[in-house]
């Protein structure tokens, strides 16, 4: 019996795969099932099947392709993780297509990650683990361009994935801002804890407080707020 990793859950992370290409699902399943802390519990070949299976099986993480028959991945994401979903699932969108409209559509729809299929198997597993832990992972090649849009002028062509308040009813503390800056720079909870010389539980407490104050649903929205308001650089 394989013991779980020290930082992971006590049981394997249960994953649903949705992609209309059999070879893609086979490849993803082969790699993910080889991980000691991840197991694939369901597969779907179209969006409608993915939504039905996800609601029935309740996996820890759903990996959804964008271009699928019957119901595309963005629509499926909204049904599983959107703002109106009472008990949302954690969705990571995995796609071949590096298009801004897909990135924004996925994040607006409630996805907690966006990954390109050519990112490699290691990043795929990291995205699954991040989603299961309540974190977010966006492909590095997408992140830079995304943040450029977030800091640029607001136009219909560069519609932002989130609309968080400019003025907060309760301001963030200096320590919370420190955490927010590191989130915006792509640091994990463990890296934030090490960088600020605090415990992992302290980081999680700060993040929970930040999400409440901002009305943010996930780390991506926290990072977006930081970049929009000039808090994405370390203090000097």
C-alpha atoms as a PDB file:
ATOM      1  CA  UNK A   1       0.000   0.000   0.000  1.00  0.00           C
ATOM      2  CA  UNK A   2       1.440   3.362  -1.041  1.00  0.00           C
ATOM      3  CA  UNK A   3       1.615   6.014   1.639  1.00  0.00           C
ATOM      4  CA  UNK A   4       0.372   9.488   0.718  1.00  0.00           C
ATOM      5  CA  UNK A   5       2.856  12.297   0.356  1.00  0.00           C
ATOM      6  CA  UNK A   6       3.402  14.302   3.572  1.00  0.00           C
ATOM      7  CA  UNK A   7       1.803  17.433   2.121  1.00  0.00           C
ATOM      8  CA  UNK A   8      -1.015  15.689   0.266  1.00  0.00           C
ATOM      9  CA  UNK A   9      -4.383  14.325   1.345  1.00  0.00           C
ATOM     10  CA  UNK A  10      -4.737  11.046   3.229  1.00  0.00           C
ATOM     11  CA  UNK A  11      -6.535   9.506   0.250  1.00  0.00           C
ATOM     12  CA  UNK A  12      -5.610   9.824  -3.442  1.00  0.00           C
ATOM     13  CA  UNK A  13      -6.927  12.848  -5.299  1.00  0.00           C
ATOM     14  CA  UNK A  14      -9.905  11.653  -7.360  1.00  0.00           C
ATOM     15  CA  UNK A  15      -9.858  13.010 -10.916  1.00  0.00           C
ATOM     16  CA  UNK A  16     -12.386  13.120 -13.750  1.00  0.00           C
ATOM     17  CA  UNK A  17     -10.968  13.392 -17.294  1.00  0.00           C
ATOM     18  CA  UNK A  18     -13.041  14.909 -20.097  1.00  0.00           C
ATOM     19  CA  UNK A  19     -11.652  15.015 -23.637  1.00  0.00           C
ATOM     20  CA  UNK A  20     -13.120  13.912 -26.953  1.00  0.00           C
ATOM     21  CA  UNK A  21      -9.846  12.274 -28.020  1.00  0.00           C
ATOM     22  CA  UNK A  22      -9.344   8.742 -26.714  1.00  0.00           C
ATOM     23  CA  UNK A  23      -5.556   8.974 -26.998  1.00  0.00           C
ATOM     24  CA  UNK A  24      -5.429  12.137 -24.898  1.00  0.00           C
ATOM     25  CA  UNK A  25      -7.520  10.568 -22.139  1.00  0.00           C
ATOM     26  CA  UNK A  26      -5.399   7.405 -22.257  1.00  0.00           C
ATOM     27  CA  UNK A  27      -2.190   9.393 -21.976  1.00  0.00           C
ATOM     28  CA  UNK A  28      -3.468  11.536 -19.116  1.00  0.00           C
ATOM     29  CA  UNK A  29      -4.836   8.509 -17.269  1.00  0.00           C
ATOM     30  CA  UNK A  30      -1.588   6.570 -17.702  1.00  0.00           C
ATOM     31  CA  UNK A  31       0.477   9.363 -16.192  1.00  0.00           C
ATOM     32  CA  UNK A  32      -1.928  10.439 -13.435  1.00  0.00           C
ATOM     33  CA  UNK A  33      -2.632   6.891 -12.267  1.00  0.00           C
ATOM     34  CA  UNK A  34       1.122   6.406 -11.954  1.00  0.00           C
ATOM     35  CA  UNK A  35       1.210   9.123  -9.291  1.00  0.00           C
ATOM     36  CA  UNK A  36       0.965   7.765  -5.731  1.00  0.00           C
ATOM     37  CA  UNK A  37      -1.449  10.499  -4.667  1.00  0.00           C
ATOM     38  CA  UNK A  38      -3.738  10.725  -7.742  1.00  0.00           C
ATOM     39  CA  UNK A  39      -6.303   8.337  -9.232  1.00  0.00           C
ATOM     40  CA  UNK A  40      -8.584   8.761 -12.252  1.00  0.00           C
ATOM     41  CA  UNK A  41     -12.133   7.759 -11.262  1.00  0.00           C
ATOM     42  CA  UNK A  42     -14.107   8.711 -14.379  1.00  0.00           C
ATOM     43  CA  UNK A  43     -13.723   9.619 -18.056  1.00  0.00           C
ATOM     44  CA  UNK A  44     -16.009  11.483 -20.446  1.00  0.00           C
ATOM     45  CA  UNK A  45     -15.847  12.011 -24.206  1.00  0.00           C
ATOM     46  CA  UNK A  46     -18.118  15.069 -24.354  1.00  0.00           C
ATOM     47  CA  UNK A  47     -19.219  17.957 -22.184  1.00  0.00           C
ATOM     48  CA  UNK A  48     -22.674  16.674 -21.320  1.00  0.00           C
ATOM     49  CA  UNK A  49     -21.282  13.360 -20.142  1.00  0.00           C
ATOM     50  CA  UNK A  50     -18.607  15.193 -18.146  1.00  0.00           C
ATOM     51  CA  UNK A  51     -21.170  17.293 -16.276  1.00  0.00           C
ATOM     52  CA  UNK A  52     -23.399  14.294 -15.536  1.00  0.00           C
ATOM     53  CA  UNK A  53     -20.487  12.151 -14.345  1.00  0.00           C
ATOM     54  CA  UNK A  54     -18.989  14.945 -12.260  1.00  0.00           C
ATOM     55  CA  UNK A  55     -22.280  15.571 -10.477  1.00  0.00           C
ATOM     56  CA  UNK A  56     -22.675  11.858  -9.801  1.00  0.00           C
ATOM     57  CA  UNK A  57     -19.094  10.918  -8.858  1.00  0.00           C
ATOM     58  CA  UNK A  58     -18.108  14.255  -7.215  1.00  0.00           C
ATOM     59  CA  UNK A  59     -14.380  14.010  -8.038  1.00  0.00           C
ATOM     60  CA  UNK A  60     -11.860  16.198  -6.229  1.00  0.00           C
ATOM     61  CA  UNK A  61     -10.691  17.691  -9.541  1.00  0.00           C
ATOM     62  CA  UNK A  62     -12.201  17.816 -13.042  1.00  0.00           C
ATOM     63  CA  UNK A  63      -9.826  18.120 -16.010  1.00  0.00           C
ATOM     64  CA  UNK A  64     -11.872  19.502 -18.902  1.00  0.00           C
ATOM     65  CA  UNK A  65     -10.903  20.027 -22.527  1.00  0.00           C
ATOM     66  CA  UNK A  66     -12.436  23.116 -24.177  1.00  0.00           C
ATOM     67  CA  UNK A  67     -13.461  21.844 -27.607  1.00  0.00           C
ATOM     68  CA  UNK A  68     -15.811  18.940 -26.961  1.00  0.00           C
ATOM     69  CA  UNK A  69     -19.048  17.852 -28.667  1.00  0.00           C
ATOM     70  CA  UNK A  70     -22.523  18.465 -27.223  1.00  0.00           C
ATOM     71  CA  UNK A  71     -21.233  20.909 -24.600  1.00  0.00           C
ATOM     72  CA  UNK A  72     -17.884  22.699 -24.695  1.00  0.00           C
ATOM     73  CA  UNK A  73     -15.521  22.853 -21.749  1.00  0.00           C
ATOM     74  CA  UNK A  74     -16.281  26.473 -20.905  1.00  0.00           C
ATOM     75  CA  UNK A  75     -20.016  25.794 -20.631  1.00  0.00           C
ATOM     76  CA  UNK A  76     -19.310  22.637 -18.608  1.00  0.00           C
ATOM     77  CA  UNK A  77     -17.060  24.643 -16.303  1.00  0.00           C
ATOM     78  CA  UNK A  78     -19.826  27.162 -15.628  1.00  0.00           C
ATOM     79  CA  UNK A  79     -22.253  24.356 -14.801  1.00  0.00           C
ATOM     80  CA  UNK A  80     -19.807  22.688 -12.406  1.00  0.00           C
ATOM     81  CA  UNK A  81     -17.957  25.631 -10.859  1.00  0.00           C
ATOM     82  CA  UNK A  82     -19.747  28.827 -11.860  1.00  0.00           C
ATOM     83  CA  UNK A  83     -20.883  31.607  -9.514  1.00  0.00           C
ATOM     84  CA  UNK A  84     -24.429  30.207  -9.355  1.00  0.00           C
ATOM     85  CA  UNK A  85     -23.366  26.666  -8.412  1.00  0.00           C
ATOM     86  CA  UNK A  86     -24.262  25.913  -4.798  1.00  0.00           C
ATOM     87  CA  UNK A  87     -21.565  23.287  -4.254  1.00  0.00           C
ATOM     88  CA  UNK A  88     -18.924  23.957  -6.935  1.00  0.00           C
ATOM     89  CA  UNK A  89     -16.327  21.440  -8.014  1.00  0.00           C
ATOM     90  CA  UNK A  90     -12.686  22.248  -8.715  1.00  0.00           C
ATOM     91  CA  UNK A  91     -12.106  22.503 -12.450  1.00  0.00           C
ATOM     92  CA  UNK A  92      -8.851  22.754 -14.388  1.00  0.00           C
ATOM     93  CA  UNK A  93      -9.240  23.536 -18.076  1.00  0.00           C
ATOM     94  CA  UNK A  94      -6.687  21.728 -20.250  1.00  0.00           C
ATOM     95  CA  UNK A  95      -6.518  22.740 -23.893  1.00  0.00           C
ATOM     96  CA  UNK A  96      -4.391  22.870 -27.021  1.00  0.00           C
ATOM     97  CA  UNK A  97      -5.599  26.375 -27.791  1.00  0.00           C
ATOM     98  CA  UNK A  98      -3.729  29.279 -26.205  1.00  0.00           C
ATOM     99  CA  UNK A  99      -6.377  31.934 -26.819  1.00  0.00           C
ATOM    100  CA  UNK A 100      -7.176  34.837 -24.502  1.00  0.00           C
ATOM    101  CA  UNK A 101     -10.924  34.363 -24.856  1.00  0.00           C
ATOM    102  CA  UNK A 102     -10.551  30.794 -23.594  1.00  0.00           C
ATOM    103  CA  UNK A 103      -8.399  31.836 -20.629  1.00  0.00           C
ATOM    104  CA  UNK A 104     -10.821  34.544 -19.548  1.00  0.00           C
ATOM    105  CA  UNK A 105     -13.861  32.386 -20.228  1.00  0.00           C
ATOM    106  CA  UNK A 106     -12.457  29.566 -18.101  1.00  0.00           C
ATOM    107  CA  UNK A 107     -11.551  31.810 -15.177  1.00  0.00           C
ATOM    108  CA  UNK A 108     -14.843  33.716 -15.297  1.00  0.00           C
ATOM    109  CA  UNK A 109     -16.617  30.372 -15.372  1.00  0.00           C
ATOM    110  CA  UNK A 110     -15.039  29.347 -12.081  1.00  0.00           C
ATOM    111  CA  UNK A 111     -12.024  27.286 -13.193  1.00  0.00           C
ATOM    112  CA  UNK A 112      -9.159  27.263 -10.704  1.00  0.00           C
ATOM    113  CA  UNK A 113      -6.551  26.433 -13.333  1.00  0.00           C
ATOM    114  CA  UNK A 114      -5.772  26.732 -17.023  1.00  0.00           C
ATOM    115  CA  UNK A 115      -3.220  24.430 -18.585  1.00  0.00           C
ATOM    116  CA  UNK A 116      -1.952  23.893 -22.110  1.00  0.00           C
ATOM    117  CA  UNK A 117      -1.685  20.276 -23.216  1.00  0.00           C
ATOM    118  CA  UNK A 118       1.928  20.786 -24.236  1.00  0.00           C
ATOM    119  CA  UNK A 119       2.856  21.960 -20.720  1.00  0.00           C
ATOM    120  CA  UNK A 120       4.018  18.428 -19.927  1.00  0.00           C
ATOM    121  CA  UNK A 121       2.947  15.711 -17.506  1.00  0.00           C
ATOM    122  CA  UNK A 122       4.735  17.157 -14.485  1.00  0.00           C
ATOM    123  CA  UNK A 123       2.818  20.434 -14.677  1.00  0.00           C
ATOM    124  CA  UNK A 124      -0.397  18.465 -15.217  1.00  0.00           C
ATOM    125  CA  UNK A 125       0.090  16.632 -11.926  1.00  0.00           C
ATOM    126  CA  UNK A 126       1.023  19.893 -10.192  1.00  0.00           C
ATOM    127  CA  UNK A 127      -2.180  21.505 -11.483  1.00  0.00           C
ATOM    128  CA  UNK A 128      -4.256  18.621 -10.106  1.00  0.00           C
ATOM    129  CA  UNK A 129      -2.547  18.853  -6.713  1.00  0.00           C
ATOM    130  CA  UNK A 130      -2.914  22.637  -6.619  1.00  0.00           C
ATOM    131  CA  UNK A 131      -6.628  22.452  -7.450  1.00  0.00           C
ATOM    132  CA  UNK A 132      -7.232  19.769  -4.825  1.00  0.00           C
ATOM    133  CA  UNK A 133      -5.467  21.923  -2.227  1.00  0.00           C
ATOM    134  CA  UNK A 134      -7.556  24.968  -3.086  1.00  0.00           C
ATOM    135  CA  UNK A 135      -4.750  26.652  -5.007  1.00  0.00           C
ATOM    136  CA  UNK A 136      -4.580  27.637  -8.667  1.00  0.00           C
ATOM    137  CA  UNK A 137      -2.162  26.966 -11.465  1.00  0.00           C
ATOM    138  CA  UNK A 138      -2.112  28.689 -14.837  1.00  0.00           C
ATOM    139  CA  UNK A 139       0.373  27.683 -17.537  1.00  0.00           C
ATOM    140  CA  UNK A 140       3.430  29.967 -17.291  1.00  0.00           C
ATOM    141  CA  UNK A 141       3.187  30.838 -20.985  1.00  0.00           C
ATOM    142  CA  UNK A 142      -0.354  32.076 -20.401  1.00  0.00           C
ATOM    143  CA  UNK A 143       0.339  33.907 -17.138  1.00  0.00           C
ATOM    144  CA  UNK A 144       2.577  36.667 -18.484  1.00  0.00           C
ATOM    145  CA  UNK A 145       0.139  37.641 -21.213  1.00  0.00           C
ATOM    146  CA  UNK A 146      -2.807  37.374 -18.827  1.00  0.00           C
ATOM    147  CA  UNK A 147      -1.173  39.739 -16.357  1.00  0.00           C
ATOM    148  CA  UNK A 148      -0.322  42.171 -19.152  1.00  0.00           C
ATOM    149  CA  UNK A 149      -4.028  42.340 -19.978  1.00  0.00           C
ATOM    150  CA  UNK A 150      -4.932  42.743 -16.326  1.00  0.00           C
ATOM    151  CA  UNK A 151      -2.659  45.791 -16.002  1.00  0.00           C
ATOM    152  CA  UNK A 152      -3.622  47.281 -19.374  1.00  0.00           C
ATOM    153  CA  UNK A 153      -6.564  49.533 -20.256  1.00  0.00           C
ATOM    154  CA  UNK A 154     -10.050  48.119 -19.848  1.00  0.00           C
ATOM    155  CA  UNK A 155     -11.571  47.477 -23.278  1.00  0.00           C
ATOM    156  CA  UNK A 156     -14.060  44.922 -24.637  1.00  0.00           C
ATOM    157  CA  UNK A 157     -11.167  43.125 -26.346  1.00  0.00           C
ATOM    158  CA  UNK A 158      -9.278  42.768 -23.080  1.00  0.00           C
ATOM    159  CA  UNK A 159     -12.185  41.997 -20.790  1.00  0.00           C
ATOM    160  CA  UNK A 160     -10.824  40.988 -17.432  1.00  0.00           C
ATOM    161  CA  UNK A 161     -11.621  37.644 -15.859  1.00  0.00           C
ATOM    162  CA  UNK A 162     -12.738  39.184 -12.561  1.00  0.00           C
ATOM    163  CA  UNK A 163     -14.416  42.333 -11.307  1.00  0.00           C
ATOM    164  CA  UNK A 164     -13.323  42.820  -7.714  1.00  0.00           C
ATOM    165  CA  UNK A 165     -13.894  46.012  -5.704  1.00  0.00           C
ATOM    166  CA  UNK A 166     -11.504  48.969  -5.988  1.00  0.00           C
ATOM    167  CA  UNK A 167     -12.312  50.106  -2.444  1.00  0.00           C
ATOM    168  CA  UNK A 168     -12.454  47.562   0.351  1.00  0.00           C
ATOM    169  CA  UNK A 169     -14.806  47.846   3.314  1.00  0.00           C
ATOM    170  CA  UNK A 170     -12.004  46.401   5.439  1.00  0.00           C
ATOM    171  CA  UNK A 171      -8.454  47.070   4.187  1.00  0.00           C
ATOM    172  CA  UNK A 172      -5.866  44.334   3.965  1.00  0.00           C
ATOM    173  CA  UNK A 173      -3.240  44.224   6.672  1.00  0.00           C
ATOM    174  CA  UNK A 174       0.434  44.615   5.778  1.00  0.00           C
ATOM    175  CA  UNK A 175       0.988  40.896   6.265  1.00  0.00           C
ATOM    176  CA  UNK A 176      -2.000  40.067   4.085  1.00  0.00           C
ATOM    177  CA  UNK A 177      -0.571  42.347   1.401  1.00  0.00           C
ATOM    178  CA  UNK A 178       2.737  40.495   1.673  1.00  0.00           C
ATOM    179  CA  UNK A 179       0.890  37.252   1.017  1.00  0.00           C
ATOM    180  CA  UNK A 180      -1.075  38.792  -1.851  1.00  0.00           C
ATOM    181  CA  UNK A 181       2.120  40.027  -3.541  1.00  0.00           C
ATOM    182  CA  UNK A 182       3.607  36.554  -3.451  1.00  0.00           C
ATOM    183  CA  UNK A 183       0.393  34.964  -4.744  1.00  0.00           C
ATOM    184  CA  UNK A 184       0.501  37.423  -7.664  1.00  0.00           C
ATOM    185  CA  UNK A 185       4.072  36.345  -8.388  1.00  0.00           C
ATOM    186  CA  UNK A 186       2.947  32.732  -8.651  1.00  0.00           C
ATOM    187  CA  UNK A 187       4.293  31.432  -5.356  1.00  0.00           C
ATOM    188  CA  UNK A 188       2.740  28.354  -3.758  1.00  0.00           C
ATOM    189  CA  UNK A 189       1.552  28.334  -0.149  1.00  0.00           C
ATOM    190  CA  UNK A 190       4.698  26.496   0.900  1.00  0.00           C
ATOM    191  CA  UNK A 191       6.918  29.028  -0.884  1.00  0.00           C
ATOM    192  CA  UNK A 192       5.013  31.911   0.708  1.00  0.00           C
ATOM    193  CA  UNK A 193       5.427  30.358   4.152  1.00  0.00           C
ATOM    194  CA  UNK A 194       9.161  29.931   3.609  1.00  0.00           C
ATOM    195  CA  UNK A 195       9.581  33.442   2.206  1.00  0.00           C
ATOM    196  CA  UNK A 196       7.713  35.112   5.072  1.00  0.00           C
ATOM    197  CA  UNK A 197       9.067  32.767   7.772  1.00  0.00           C
ATOM    198  CA  UNK A 198       5.602  31.745   8.915  1.00  0.00           C
ATOM    199  CA  UNK A 199       3.756  28.442   9.131  1.00  0.00           C
ATOM    200  CA  UNK A 200       1.703  26.973   6.293  1.00  0.00           C
ATOM    201  CA  UNK A 201      -1.441  27.247   8.411  1.00  0.00           C
ATOM    202  CA  UNK A 202      -0.747  30.957   8.944  1.00  0.00           C
ATOM    203  CA  UNK A 203      -0.531  31.488   5.178  1.00  0.00           C
ATOM    204  CA  UNK A 204      -3.846  29.691   4.698  1.00  0.00           C
ATOM    205  CA  UNK A 205      -5.448  31.837   7.407  1.00  0.00           C
ATOM    206  CA  UNK A 206      -4.236  35.018   5.684  1.00  0.00           C
ATOM    207  CA  UNK A 207      -5.503  33.787   2.314  1.00  0.00           C
ATOM    208  CA  UNK A 208      -8.932  33.009   3.747  1.00  0.00           C
ATOM    209  CA  UNK A 209      -9.109  36.519   5.195  1.00  0.00           C
ATOM    210  CA  UNK A 210      -7.978  38.065   1.894  1.00  0.00           C
ATOM    211  CA  UNK A 211     -10.586  36.112  -0.087  1.00  0.00           C
ATOM    212  CA  UNK A 212     -13.308  37.265   2.289  1.00  0.00           C
ATOM    213  CA  UNK A 213     -12.265  40.924   2.113  1.00  0.00           C
ATOM    214  CA  UNK A 214     -11.898  40.916  -1.676  1.00  0.00           C
ATOM    215  CA  UNK A 215     -14.851  38.674  -2.406  1.00  0.00           C
ATOM    216  CA  UNK A 216     -12.419  36.548  -4.440  1.00  0.00           C
ATOM    217  CA  UNK A 217     -13.249  32.955  -5.304  1.00  0.00           C
ATOM    218  CA  UNK A 218      -9.698  31.684  -5.777  1.00  0.00           C
ATOM    219  CA  UNK A 219      -6.009  32.558  -6.051  1.00  0.00           C
ATOM    220  CA  UNK A 220      -6.348  33.642  -9.656  1.00  0.00           C
ATOM    221  CA  UNK A 221      -8.765  36.384  -8.622  1.00  0.00           C
ATOM    222  CA  UNK A 222      -6.463  37.431  -5.766  1.00  0.00           C
ATOM    223  CA  UNK A 223      -3.560  37.694  -8.222  1.00  0.00           C
ATOM    224  CA  UNK A 224      -5.742  39.639 -10.657  1.00  0.00           C
ATOM    225  CA  UNK A 225      -6.671  42.160  -7.937  1.00  0.00           C
ATOM    226  CA  UNK A 226      -3.016  42.531  -6.965  1.00  0.00           C
ATOM    227  CA  UNK A 227      -1.946  43.258 -10.530  1.00  0.00           C
ATOM    228  CA  UNK A 228      -4.842  45.632 -11.140  1.00  0.00           C
ATOM    229  CA  UNK A 229      -3.997  47.662  -8.038  1.00  0.00           C
ATOM    230  CA  UNK A 230      -0.208  47.694  -8.194  1.00  0.00           C
ATOM    231  CA  UNK A 231       0.426  45.153  -5.437  1.00  0.00           C
ATOM    232  CA  UNK A 232       2.211  42.579  -7.593  1.00  0.00           C
ATOM    233  CA  UNK A 233       5.753  43.594  -6.781  1.00  0.00           C
ATOM    234  CA  UNK A 234       7.764  42.864  -3.628  1.00  0.00           C
ATOM    235  CA  UNK A 235       8.051  45.662  -1.107  1.00  0.00           C
ATOM    236  CA  UNK A 236      11.309  47.616  -1.155  1.00  0.00           C
END
